[in-house]
Amino acid sequence: MSQKSDRRQAREAIATYHEAKLAELLAHVAEAIDRFRSGELEAFDVDEVLFQYSRAAKELWKFCNIGNVQITARQVHEGPPIDWWERGAPKRARRPANEVPTSESG
């Protein structure tokens, strides 16, 4: 197979992967909206889900669109699965919220 056709196949594989993973991320949003409509979640809870979706979708976009498409396709097929939802999770604080920073702890 030529390099051109290899790259084309890799691009197609990554486009398919990207769409499938976006659908998985959107399922989280749909669930949160359904739970909001049923009264289980408040608007701020849904906002947190939307924020996490946004971060996860950006990370997924970067993975699929920056770098060598053939290496990315190989990683998708041969590497461990990537939890894009978890990648979008906000970074957790390193110290408890009730701990007051001191000059020693920063």
PDB file of N, CA and C in Angstrom:
ATOM      1  N   MET A   1       0.837  -1.178   0.000  1.00  0.00           N
ATOM      2  CA  MET A   1       0.000   0.000   0.000  1.00  0.00           C
ATOM      3  C   MET A   1       0.883   1.242   0.000  1.00  0.00           C
ATOM      4  N   SER A   2       0.454   2.276  -0.653  1.00  0.00           N
ATOM      5  CA  SER A   2       1.242   3.508  -0.716  1.00  0.00           C
ATOM      6  C   SER A   2       1.098   4.297   0.580  1.00  0.00           C
ATOM      7  N   GLN A   3       2.057   5.183   0.794  1.00  0.00           N
ATOM      8  CA  GLN A   3       1.993   6.034   1.981  1.00  0.00           C
ATOM      9  C   GLN A   3       0.747   6.916   1.954  1.00  0.00           C
ATOM     10  N   LYS A   4       0.381   7.367   0.762  1.00  0.00           N
ATOM     11  CA  LYS A   4      -0.802   8.231   0.636  1.00  0.00           C
ATOM     12  C   LYS A   4      -2.061   7.476   1.060  1.00  0.00           C
ATOM     13  N   SER A   5      -2.216   6.245   0.608  1.00  0.00           N
ATOM     14  CA  SER A   5      -3.410   5.478   0.990  1.00  0.00           C
ATOM     15  C   SER A   5      -3.361   5.082   2.462  1.00  0.00           C
ATOM     16  N   ASP A   6      -2.157   4.839   2.989  1.00  0.00           N
ATOM     17  CA  ASP A   6      -2.022   4.554   4.427  1.00  0.00           C
ATOM     18  C   ASP A   6      -2.489   5.746   5.260  1.00  0.00           C
ATOM     19  N   ARG A   7      -2.069   6.938   4.858  1.00  0.00           N
ATOM     20  CA  ARG A   7      -2.487   8.149   5.585  1.00  0.00           C
ATOM     21  C   ARG A   7      -3.995   8.357   5.475  1.00  0.00           C
ATOM     22  N   ARG A   8      -4.548   8.105   4.292  1.00  0.00           N
ATOM     23  CA  ARG A   8      -5.988   8.259   4.094  1.00  0.00           C
ATOM     24  C   ARG A   8      -6.752   7.297   5.003  1.00  0.00           C
ATOM     25  N   GLN A   9      -6.318   6.054   5.055  1.00  0.00           N
ATOM     26  CA  GLN A   9      -6.977   5.077   5.923  1.00  0.00           C
ATOM     27  C   GLN A   9      -6.846   5.481   7.392  1.00  0.00           C
ATOM     28  N   ALA A  10      -5.688   5.984   7.767  1.00  0.00           N
ATOM     29  CA  ALA A  10      -5.486   6.427   9.150  1.00  0.00           C
ATOM     30  C   ALA A  10      -6.405   7.597   9.469  1.00  0.00           C
ATOM     31  N   ARG A  11      -6.519   8.559   8.547  1.00  0.00           N
ATOM     32  CA  ARG A  11      -7.425   9.699   8.765  1.00  0.00           C
ATOM     33  C   ARG A  11      -8.864   9.228   8.919  1.00  0.00           C
ATOM     34  N   GLU A  12      -9.284   8.282   8.091  1.00  0.00           N
ATOM     35  CA  GLU A  12     -10.651   7.759   8.177  1.00  0.00           C
ATOM     36  C   GLU A  12     -10.872   7.048   9.511  1.00  0.00           C
ATOM     37  N   ALA A  13      -9.883   6.281   9.932  1.00  0.00           N
ATOM     38  CA  ALA A  13     -10.000   5.568  11.219  1.00  0.00           C
ATOM     39  C   ALA A  13     -10.102   6.556  12.377  1.00  0.00           C
ATOM     40  N   ILE A  14      -9.299   7.610  12.334  1.00  0.00           N
ATOM     41  CA  ILE A  14      -9.332   8.606  13.406  1.00  0.00           C
ATOM     42  C   ILE A  14     -10.636   9.388  13.377  1.00  0.00           C
ATOM     43  N   ALA A  15     -11.141   9.696  12.201  1.00  0.00           N
ATOM     44  CA  ALA A  15     -12.425  10.412  12.112  1.00  0.00           C
ATOM     45  C   ALA A  15     -13.549   9.559  12.707  1.00  0.00           C
ATOM     46  N   THR A  16     -13.536   8.274  12.414  1.00  0.00           N
ATOM     47  CA  THR A  16     -14.546   7.358  12.969  1.00  0.00           C
ATOM     48  C   THR A  16     -14.414   7.272  14.489  1.00  0.00           C
ATOM     49  N   TYR A  17     -13.179   7.150  14.965  1.00  0.00           N
ATOM     50  CA  TYR A  17     -12.910   7.101  16.397  1.00  0.00           C
ATOM     51  C   TYR A  17     -13.385   8.388  17.069  1.00  0.00           C
ATOM     52  N   HIS A  18     -13.036   9.538  16.485  1.00  0.00           N
ATOM     53  CA  HIS A  18     -13.396  10.831  17.053  1.00  0.00           C
ATOM     54  C   HIS A  18     -14.915  10.946  17.197  1.00  0.00           C
ATOM     55  N   GLU A  19     -15.633  10.584  16.153  1.00  0.00           N
ATOM     56  CA  GLU A  19     -17.089  10.678  16.198  1.00  0.00           C
ATOM     57  C   GLU A  19     -17.683   9.757  17.262  1.00  0.00           C
ATOM     58  N   ALA A  20     -17.166   8.549  17.362  1.00  0.00           N
ATOM     59  CA  ALA A  20     -17.673   7.592  18.357  1.00  0.00           C
ATOM     60  C   ALA A  20     -17.414   8.093  19.774  1.00  0.00           C
ATOM     61  N   LYS A  21     -16.225   8.629  20.009  1.00  0.00           N
ATOM     62  CA  LYS A  21     -15.895   9.121  21.352  1.00  0.00           C
ATOM     63  C   LYS A  21     -16.676  10.385  21.694  1.00  0.00           C
ATOM     64  N   LEU A  22     -16.932  11.236  20.697  1.00  0.00           N
ATOM     65  CA  LEU A  22     -17.783  12.403  20.947  1.00  0.00           C
ATOM     66  C   LEU A  22     -19.187  11.961  21.348  1.00  0.00           C
ATOM     67  N   ALA A  23     -19.697  10.936  20.688  1.00  0.00           N
ATOM     68  CA  ALA A  23     -21.025  10.425  21.026  1.00  0.00           C
ATOM     69  C   ALA A  23     -21.057   9.936  22.479  1.00  0.00           C
ATOM     70  N   GLU A  24     -19.995   9.279  22.921  1.00  0.00           N
ATOM     71  CA  GLU A  24     -19.922   8.822  24.316  1.00  0.00           C
ATOM     72  C   GLU A  24     -19.925  10.014  25.275  1.00  0.00           C
ATOM     73  N   LEU A  25     -19.175  11.046  24.934  1.00  0.00           N
ATOM     74  CA  LEU A  25     -19.149  12.238  25.785  1.00  0.00           C
ATOM     75  C   LEU A  25     -20.513  12.913  25.823  1.00  0.00           C
ATOM     76  N   LEU A  26     -21.160  13.005  24.675  1.00  0.00           N
ATOM     77  CA  LEU A  26     -22.488  13.624  24.611  1.00  0.00           C
ATOM     78  C   LEU A  26     -23.523  12.843  25.418  1.00  0.00           C
ATOM     79  N   ALA A  27     -23.334  11.548  25.547  1.00  0.00           N
ATOM     80  CA  ALA A  27     -24.255  10.744  26.351  1.00  0.00           C
ATOM     81  C   ALA A  27     -24.247  11.203  27.809  1.00  0.00           C
ATOM     82  N   HIS A  28     -23.085  11.623  28.308  1.00  0.00           N
ATOM     83  CA  HIS A  28     -23.007  12.159  29.673  1.00  0.00           C
ATOM     84  C   HIS A  28     -23.845  13.431  29.794  1.00  0.00           C
ATOM     85  N   VAL A  29     -23.753  14.282  28.773  1.00  0.00           N
ATOM     86  CA  VAL A  29     -24.519  15.530  28.776  1.00  0.00           C
ATOM     87  C   VAL A  29     -26.016  15.232  28.715  1.00  0.00           C
ATOM     88  N   ALA A  30     -26.401  14.322  27.834  1.00  0.00           N
ATOM     89  CA  ALA A  30     -27.822  13.974  27.692  1.00  0.00           C
ATOM     90  C   ALA A  30     -28.377  13.427  29.003  1.00  0.00           C
ATOM     91  N   GLU A  31     -27.597  12.577  29.667  1.00  0.00           N
ATOM     92  CA  GLU A  31     -28.048  12.025  30.949  1.00  0.00           C
ATOM     93  C   GLU A  31     -28.229  13.131  31.983  1.00  0.00           C
ATOM     94  N   ALA A  32     -27.290  14.057  32.035  1.00  0.00           N
ATOM     95  CA  ALA A  32     -27.392  15.154  33.007  1.00  0.00           C
ATOM     96  C   ALA A  32     -28.613  16.023  32.726  1.00  0.00           C
ATOM     97  N   ILE A  33     -28.870  16.306  31.473  1.00  0.00           N
ATOM     98  CA  ILE A  33     -30.041  17.126  31.132  1.00  0.00           C
ATOM     99  C   ILE A  33     -31.330  16.389  31.476  1.00  0.00           C
ATOM    100  N   ASP A  34     -31.377  15.096  31.188  1.00  0.00           N
ATOM    101  CA  ASP A  34     -32.556  14.307  31.563  1.00  0.00           C
ATOM    102  C   ASP A  34     -32.767  14.331  33.076  1.00  0.00           C
ATOM    103  N   ARG A  35     -31.679  14.194  33.831  1.00  0.00           N
ATOM    104  CA  ARG A  35     -31.779  14.215  35.292  1.00  0.00           C
ATOM    105  C   ARG A  35     -32.178  15.598  35.801  1.00  0.00           C
ATOM    106  N   PHE A  36     -31.754  16.642  35.127  1.00  0.00           N
ATOM    107  CA  PHE A  36     -32.174  18.004  35.479  1.00  0.00           C
ATOM    108  C   PHE A  36     -33.669  18.155  35.247  1.00  0.00           C
ATOM    109  N   ARG A  37     -34.132  17.693  34.102  1.00  0.00           N
ATOM    110  CA  ARG A  37     -35.553  17.805  33.766  1.00  0.00           C
ATOM    111  C   ARG A  37     -36.433  17.023  34.739  1.00  0.00           C
ATOM    112  N   SER A  38     -35.915  15.929  35.277  1.00  0.00           N
ATOM    113  CA  SER A  38     -36.698  15.134  36.224  1.00  0.00           C
ATOM    114  C   SER A  38     -36.561  15.636  37.659  1.00  0.00           C
ATOM    115  N   GLY A  39     -35.729  16.660  37.861  1.00  0.00           N
ATOM    116  CA  GLY A  39     -35.580  17.234  39.191  1.00  0.00           C
ATOM    117  C   GLY A  39     -34.483  16.614  40.024  1.00  0.00           C
ATOM    118  N   GLU A  40     -33.730  15.664  39.488  1.00  0.00           N
ATOM    119  CA  GLU A  40     -32.648  15.019  40.242  1.00  0.00           C
ATOM    120  C   GLU A  40     -31.422  15.908  40.378  1.00  0.00           C
ATOM    121  N   LEU A  41     -31.169  16.741  39.377  1.00  0.00           N
ATOM    122  CA  LEU A  41     -29.998  17.615  39.390  1.00  0.00           C
ATOM    123  C   LEU A  41     -30.435  19.071  39.333  1.00  0.00           C
ATOM    124  N   GLU A  42     -29.579  19.924  39.881  1.00  0.00           N
ATOM    125  CA  GLU A  42     -29.800  21.361  39.788  1.00  0.00           C
ATOM    126  C   GLU A  42     -29.025  21.901  38.593  1.00  0.00           C
ATOM    127  N   ALA A  43     -29.316  23.131  38.239  1.00  0.00           N
ATOM    128  CA  ALA A  43     -28.668  23.748  37.078  1.00  0.00           C
ATOM    129  C   ALA A  43     -27.149  23.777  37.227  1.00  0.00           C
ATOM    130  N   PHE A  44     -26.651  24.030  38.423  1.00  0.00           N
ATOM    131  CA  PHE A  44     -25.206  24.075  38.624  1.00  0.00           C
ATOM    132  C   PHE A  44     -24.566  22.702  38.405  1.00  0.00           C
ATOM    133  N   ASP A  45     -25.281  21.639  38.766  1.00  0.00           N
ATOM    134  CA  ASP A  45     -24.771  20.288  38.535  1.00  0.00           C
ATOM    135  C   ASP A  45     -24.612  20.032  37.031  1.00  0.00           C
ATOM    136  N   VAL A  46     -25.604  20.445  36.265  1.00  0.00           N
ATOM    137  CA  VAL A  46     -25.541  20.276  34.813  1.00  0.00           C
ATOM    138  C   VAL A  46     -24.414  21.128  34.242  1.00  0.00           C
ATOM    139  N   ASP A  47     -24.242  22.320  34.775  1.00  0.00           N
ATOM    140  CA  ASP A  47     -23.168  23.186  34.323  1.00  0.00           C
ATOM    141  C   ASP A  47     -21.809  22.517  34.525  1.00  0.00           C
ATOM    142  N   GLU A  48     -21.626  21.830  35.641  1.00  0.00           N
ATOM    143  CA  GLU A  48     -20.372  21.104  35.883  1.00  0.00           C
ATOM    144  C   GLU A  48     -20.166  20.010  34.838  1.00  0.00           C
ATOM    145  N   VAL A  49     -21.248  19.315  34.486  1.00  0.00           N
ATOM    146  CA  VAL A  49     -21.160  18.282  33.455  1.00  0.00           C
ATOM    147  C   VAL A  49     -20.789  18.905  32.116  1.00  0.00           C
ATOM    148  N   LEU A  50     -21.405  20.033  31.801  1.00  0.00           N
ATOM    149  CA  LEU A  50     -21.089  20.718  30.538  1.00  0.00           C
ATOM    150  C   LEU A  50     -19.636  21.179  30.513  1.00  0.00           C
ATOM    151  N   PHE A  51     -19.139  21.649  31.631  1.00  0.00           N
ATOM    152  CA  PHE A  51     -17.741  22.077  31.705  1.00  0.00           C
ATOM    153  C   PHE A  51     -16.815  20.884  31.478  1.00  0.00           C
ATOM    154  N   GLN A  52     -17.131  19.761  32.108  1.00  0.00           N
ATOM    155  CA  GLN A  52     -16.309  18.569  31.934  1.00  0.00           C
ATOM    156  C   GLN A  52     -16.378  18.076  30.487  1.00  0.00           C
ATOM    157  N   TYR A  53     -17.564  18.125  29.898  1.00  0.00           N
ATOM    158  CA  TYR A  53     -17.706  17.744  28.490  1.00  0.00           C
ATOM    159  C   TYR A  53     -16.807  18.621  27.620  1.00  0.00           C
ATOM    160  N   SER A  54     -16.836  19.917  27.854  1.00  0.00           N
ATOM    161  CA  SER A  54     -16.046  20.849  27.045  1.00  0.00           C
ATOM    162  C   SER A  54     -14.561  20.521  27.136  1.00  0.00           C
ATOM    163  N   ARG A  55     -14.076  20.293  28.338  1.00  0.00           N
ATOM    164  CA  ARG A  55     -12.666  19.961  28.517  1.00  0.00           C
ATOM    165  C   ARG A  55     -12.332  18.635  27.851  1.00  0.00           C
ATOM    166  N   ALA A  56     -13.194  17.645  28.023  1.00  0.00           N
ATOM    167  CA  ALA A  56     -12.943  16.323  27.431  1.00  0.00           C
ATOM    168  C   ALA A  56     -12.959  16.392  25.909  1.00  0.00           C
ATOM    169  N   ALA A  57     -13.915  17.121  25.348  1.00  0.00           N
ATOM    170  CA  ALA A  57     -14.011  17.237  23.891  1.00  0.00           C
ATOM    171  C   ALA A  57     -12.784  17.948  23.328  1.00  0.00           C
ATOM    172  N   LYS A  58     -12.259  18.924  24.041  1.00  0.00           N
ATOM    173  CA  LYS A  58     -11.048  19.611  23.586  1.00  0.00           C
ATOM    174  C   LYS A  58      -9.846  18.675  23.608  1.00  0.00           C
ATOM    175  N   GLU A  59      -9.719  17.890  24.666  1.00  0.00           N
ATOM    176  CA  GLU A  59      -8.615  16.933  24.741  1.00  0.00           C
ATOM    177  C   GLU A  59      -8.722  15.895  23.622  1.00  0.00           C
ATOM    178  N   LEU A  60      -9.924  15.421  23.377  1.00  0.00           N
ATOM    179  CA  LEU A  60     -10.143  14.466  22.290  1.00  0.00           C
ATOM    180  C   LEU A  60      -9.787  15.093  20.954  1.00  0.00           C
ATOM    181  N   TRP A  61     -10.212  16.342  20.728  1.00  0.00           N
ATOM    182  CA  TRP A  61      -9.909  17.016  19.471  1.00  0.00           C
ATOM    183  C   TRP A  61      -8.402  17.123  19.264  1.00  0.00           C
ATOM    184  N   LYS A  62      -7.677  17.530  20.316  1.00  0.00           N
ATOM    185  CA  LYS A  62      -6.225  17.655  20.199  1.00  0.00           C
ATOM    186  C   LYS A  62      -5.589  16.316  19.856  1.00  0.00           C
ATOM    187  N   PHE A  63      -6.043  15.255  20.519  1.00  0.00           N
ATOM    188  CA  PHE A  63      -5.499  13.923  20.267  1.00  0.00           C
ATOM    189  C   PHE A  63      -5.715  13.518  18.813  1.00  0.00           C
ATOM    190  N   CYS A  64      -6.890  13.799  18.286  1.00  0.00           N
ATOM    191  CA  CYS A  64      -7.249  13.354  16.940  1.00  0.00           C
ATOM    192  C   CYS A  64      -6.706  14.252  15.836  1.00  0.00           C
ATOM    193  N   ASN A  65      -6.350  15.477  16.135  1.00  0.00           N
ATOM    194  CA  ASN A  65      -6.019  16.431  15.083  1.00  0.00           C
ATOM    195  C   ASN A  65      -4.610  17.005  15.123  1.00  0.00           C
ATOM    196  N   ILE A  66      -3.871  16.755  16.180  1.00  0.00           N
ATOM    197  CA  ILE A  66      -2.514  17.289  16.272  1.00  0.00           C
ATOM    198  C   ILE A  66      -1.549  16.105  16.281  1.00  0.00           C
ATOM    199  N   GLY A  67      -0.597  16.161  15.430  1.00  0.00           N
ATOM    200  CA  GLY A  67       0.401  15.099  15.383  1.00  0.00           C
ATOM    201  C   GLY A  67       0.244  14.224  14.149  1.00  0.00           C
ATOM    202  N   ASN A  68       1.039  13.199  14.100  1.00  0.00           N
ATOM    203  CA  ASN A  68       1.057  12.281  12.977  1.00  0.00           C
ATOM    204  C   ASN A  68      -0.163  11.363  13.031  1.00  0.00           C
ATOM    205  N   VAL A  69      -0.996  11.426  12.000  1.00  0.00           N
ATOM    206  CA  VAL A  69      -2.254  10.677  11.993  1.00  0.00           C
ATOM    207  C   VAL A  69      -2.024   9.167  12.024  1.00  0.00           C
ATOM    208  N   GLN A  70      -0.941   8.713  11.421  1.00  0.00           N
ATOM    209  CA  GLN A  70      -0.675   7.273  11.418  1.00  0.00           C
ATOM    210  C   GLN A  70      -0.272   6.777  12.807  1.00  0.00           C
ATOM    211  N   ILE A  71       0.503   7.567  13.517  1.00  0.00           N
ATOM    212  CA  ILE A  71       0.879   7.201  14.883  1.00  0.00           C
ATOM    213  C   ILE A  71      -0.354   7.225  15.783  1.00  0.00           C
ATOM    214  N   THR A  72      -1.195   8.233  15.603  1.00  0.00           N
ATOM    215  CA  THR A  72      -2.422   8.331  16.394  1.00  0.00           C
ATOM    216  C   THR A  72      -3.322   7.132  16.131  1.00  0.00           C
ATOM    217  N   ALA A  73      -3.485   6.754  14.862  1.00  0.00           N
ATOM    218  CA  ALA A  73      -4.323   5.599  14.516  1.00  0.00           C
ATOM    219  C   ALA A  73      -3.761   4.323  15.138  1.00  0.00           C
ATOM    220  N   ARG A  74      -2.451   4.165  15.111  1.00  0.00           N
ATOM    221  CA  ARG A  74      -1.831   2.981  15.722  1.00  0.00           C
ATOM    222  C   ARG A  74      -2.096   2.963  17.221  1.00  0.00           C
ATOM    223  N   GLN A  75      -1.985   4.136  17.848  1.00  0.00           N
ATOM    224  CA  GLN A  75      -2.228   4.216  19.293  1.00  0.00           C
ATOM    225  C   GLN A  75      -3.675   3.841  19.617  1.00  0.00           C
ATOM    226  N   VAL A  76      -4.611   4.284  18.780  1.00  0.00           N
ATOM    227  CA  VAL A  76      -6.030   3.965  18.999  1.00  0.00           C
ATOM    228  C   VAL A  76      -6.246   2.452  18.916  1.00  0.00           C
ATOM    229  N   HIS A  77      -5.620   1.827  17.945  1.00  0.00           N
ATOM    230  CA  HIS A  77      -5.853   0.396  17.717  1.00  0.00           C
ATOM    231  C   HIS A  77      -5.038  -0.509  18.632  1.00  0.00           C
ATOM    232  N   GLU A  78      -3.842  -0.073  19.014  1.00  0.00           N
ATOM    233  CA  GLU A  78      -2.960  -0.954  19.773  1.00  0.00           C
ATOM    234  C   GLU A  78      -2.760  -0.547  21.221  1.00  0.00           C
ATOM    235  N   GLY A  79      -3.010   0.705  21.534  1.00  0.00           N
ATOM    236  CA  GLY A  79      -2.771   1.193  22.888  1.00  0.00           C
ATOM    237  C   GLY A  79      -3.945   0.927  23.810  1.00  0.00           C
ATOM    238  N   PRO A  80      -3.748   1.224  25.084  1.00  0.00           N
ATOM    239  CA  PRO A  80      -4.856   1.063  26.032  1.00  0.00           C
ATOM    240  C   PRO A  80      -5.955   2.086  25.730  1.00  0.00           C
ATOM    241  N   PRO A  81      -7.201   1.745  26.046  1.00  0.00           N
ATOM    242  CA  PRO A  81      -8.284   2.704  25.799  1.00  0.00           C
ATOM    243  C   PRO A  81      -8.100   3.961  26.662  1.00  0.00           C
ATOM    244  N   ILE A  82      -8.525   5.079  26.117  1.00  0.00           N
ATOM    245  CA  ILE A  82      -8.413   6.357  26.821  1.00  0.00           C
ATOM    246  C   ILE A  82      -9.797   6.754  27.319  1.00  0.00           C
ATOM    247  N   ASP A  83      -9.888   7.094  28.599  1.00  0.00           N
ATOM    248  CA  ASP A  83     -11.141   7.544  29.184  1.00  0.00           C
ATOM    249  C   ASP A  83     -11.216   9.064  29.012  1.00  0.00           C
ATOM    250  N   TRP A  84     -11.830   9.490  27.915  1.00  0.00           N
ATOM    251  CA  TRP A  84     -11.879  10.919  27.609  1.00  0.00           C
ATOM    252  C   TRP A  84     -12.710  11.681  28.625  1.00  0.00           C
ATOM    253  N   TRP A  85     -13.741  11.067  29.175  1.00  0.00           N
ATOM    254  CA  TRP A  85     -14.551  11.751  30.189  1.00  0.00           C
ATOM    255  C   TRP A  85     -13.682  12.075  31.399  1.00  0.00           C
ATOM    256  N   GLU A  86     -12.891  11.116  31.818  1.00  0.00           N
ATOM    257  CA  GLU A  86     -12.015  11.344  32.962  1.00  0.00           C
ATOM    258  C   GLU A  86     -10.948  12.386  32.636  1.00  0.00           C
ATOM    259  N   ARG A  87     -10.474  12.407  31.410  1.00  0.00           N
ATOM    260  CA  ARG A  87      -9.485  13.412  31.002  1.00  0.00           C
ATOM    261  C   ARG A  87     -10.053  14.827  31.106  1.00  0.00           C
ATOM    262  N   GLY A  88     -11.362  14.957  31.001  1.00  0.00           N
ATOM    263  CA  GLY A  88     -11.985  16.267  31.095  1.00  0.00           C
ATOM    264  C   GLY A  88     -12.329  16.679  32.507  1.00  0.00           C
ATOM    265  N   ALA A  89     -12.120  15.784  33.461  1.00  0.00           N
ATOM    266  CA  ALA A  89     -12.465  16.092  34.854  1.00  0.00           C
ATOM    267  C   ALA A  89     -11.605  17.235  35.362  1.00  0.00           C
ATOM    268  N   PRO A  90     -12.207  18.130  36.140  1.00  0.00           N
ATOM    269  CA  PRO A  90     -11.414  19.235  36.699  1.00  0.00           C
ATOM    270  C   PRO A  90     -10.313  18.688  37.601  1.00  0.00           C
ATOM    271  N   LYS A  91      -9.219  19.385  37.621  1.00  0.00           N
ATOM    272  CA  LYS A  91      -8.110  18.991  38.494  1.00  0.00           C
ATOM    273  C   LYS A  91      -8.539  19.205  39.941  1.00  0.00           C
ATOM    274  N   ARG A  92      -8.255  18.257  40.772  1.00  0.00           N
ATOM    275  CA  ARG A  92      -8.638  18.335  42.183  1.00  0.00           C
ATOM    276  C   ARG A  92      -7.601  19.148  42.956  1.00  0.00           C
ATOM    277  N   ALA A  93      -8.089  19.864  43.969  1.00  0.00           N
ATOM    278  CA  ALA A  93      -7.193  20.655  44.812  1.00  0.00           C
ATOM    279  C   ALA A  93      -6.251  19.719  45.559  1.00  0.00           C
ATOM    280  N   ARG A  94      -5.048  20.156  45.760  1.00  0.00           N
ATOM    281  CA  ARG A  94      -4.074  19.318  46.449  1.00  0.00           C
ATOM    282  C   ARG A  94      -4.214  19.388  47.961  1.00  0.00           C
ATOM    283  N   ARG A  95      -4.774  20.473  48.458  1.00  0.00           N
ATOM    284  CA  ARG A  95      -4.971  20.578  49.906  1.00  0.00           C
ATOM    285  C   ARG A  95      -6.463  20.651  50.182  1.00  0.00           C
ATOM    286  N   PRO A  96      -6.871  20.199  51.354  1.00  0.00           N
ATOM    287  CA  PRO A  96      -8.295  20.291  51.704  1.00  0.00           C
ATOM    288  C   PRO A  96      -8.772  21.735  51.638  1.00  0.00           C
ATOM    289  N   ALA A  97     -10.033  21.919  51.280  1.00  0.00           N
ATOM    290  CA  ALA A  97     -10.598  23.265  51.110  1.00  0.00           C
ATOM    291  C   ALA A  97     -10.559  24.077  52.392  1.00  0.00           C
ATOM    292  N   ASN A  98     -10.648  23.413  53.553  1.00  0.00           N
ATOM    293  CA  ASN A  98     -10.680  24.140  54.815  1.00  0.00           C
ATOM    294  C   ASN A  98      -9.284  24.441  55.363  1.00  0.00           C
ATOM    295  N   GLU A  99      -8.238  23.994  54.675  1.00  0.00           N
ATOM    296  CA  GLU A  99      -6.880  24.254  55.133  1.00  0.00           C
ATOM    297  C   GLU A  99      -6.422  25.614  54.622  1.00  0.00           C
ATOM    298  N   VAL A 100      -5.984  26.449  55.541  1.00  0.00           N
ATOM    299  CA  VAL A 100      -5.517  27.781  55.198  1.00  0.00           C
ATOM    300  C   VAL A 100      -4.043  27.679  54.825  1.00  0.00           C
ATOM    301  N   PRO A 101      -3.668  28.206  53.632  1.00  0.00           N
ATOM    302  CA  PRO A 101      -2.261  28.126  53.259  1.00  0.00           C
ATOM    303  C   PRO A 101      -1.387  28.974  54.182  1.00  0.00           C
ATOM    304  N   THR A 102      -0.201  28.467  54.478  1.00  0.00           N
ATOM    305  CA  THR A 102       0.755  29.208  55.286  1.00  0.00           C
ATOM    306  C   THR A 102       1.924  29.565  54.382  1.00  0.00           C
ATOM    307  N   SER A 103       2.821  30.370  54.917  1.00  0.00           N
ATOM    308  CA  SER A 103       3.985  30.733  54.091  1.00  0.00           C
ATOM    309  C   SER A 103       4.824  29.499  53.787  1.00  0.00           C
ATOM    310  N   GLU A 104       4.758  28.460  54.633  1.00  0.00           N
ATOM    311  CA  GLU A 104       5.519  27.238  54.397  1.00  0.00           C
ATOM    312  C   GLU A 104       4.859  26.354  53.339  1.00  0.00           C
ATOM    313  N   SER A 105       3.502  26.304  53.331  1.00  0.00           N
ATOM    314  CA  SER A 105       2.822  25.400  52.410  1.00  0.00           C
ATOM    315  C   SER A 105       2.458  26.079  51.095  1.00  0.00           C
ATOM    316  N   GLY A 106       2.633  27.344  50.986  1.00  0.00           N
ATOM    317  CA  GLY A 106       2.462  28.021  49.728  1.00  0.00           C
ATOM    318  C   GLY A 106       1.171  28.654  49.547  1.00  0.00           C
TER     319      GLY A 106
END
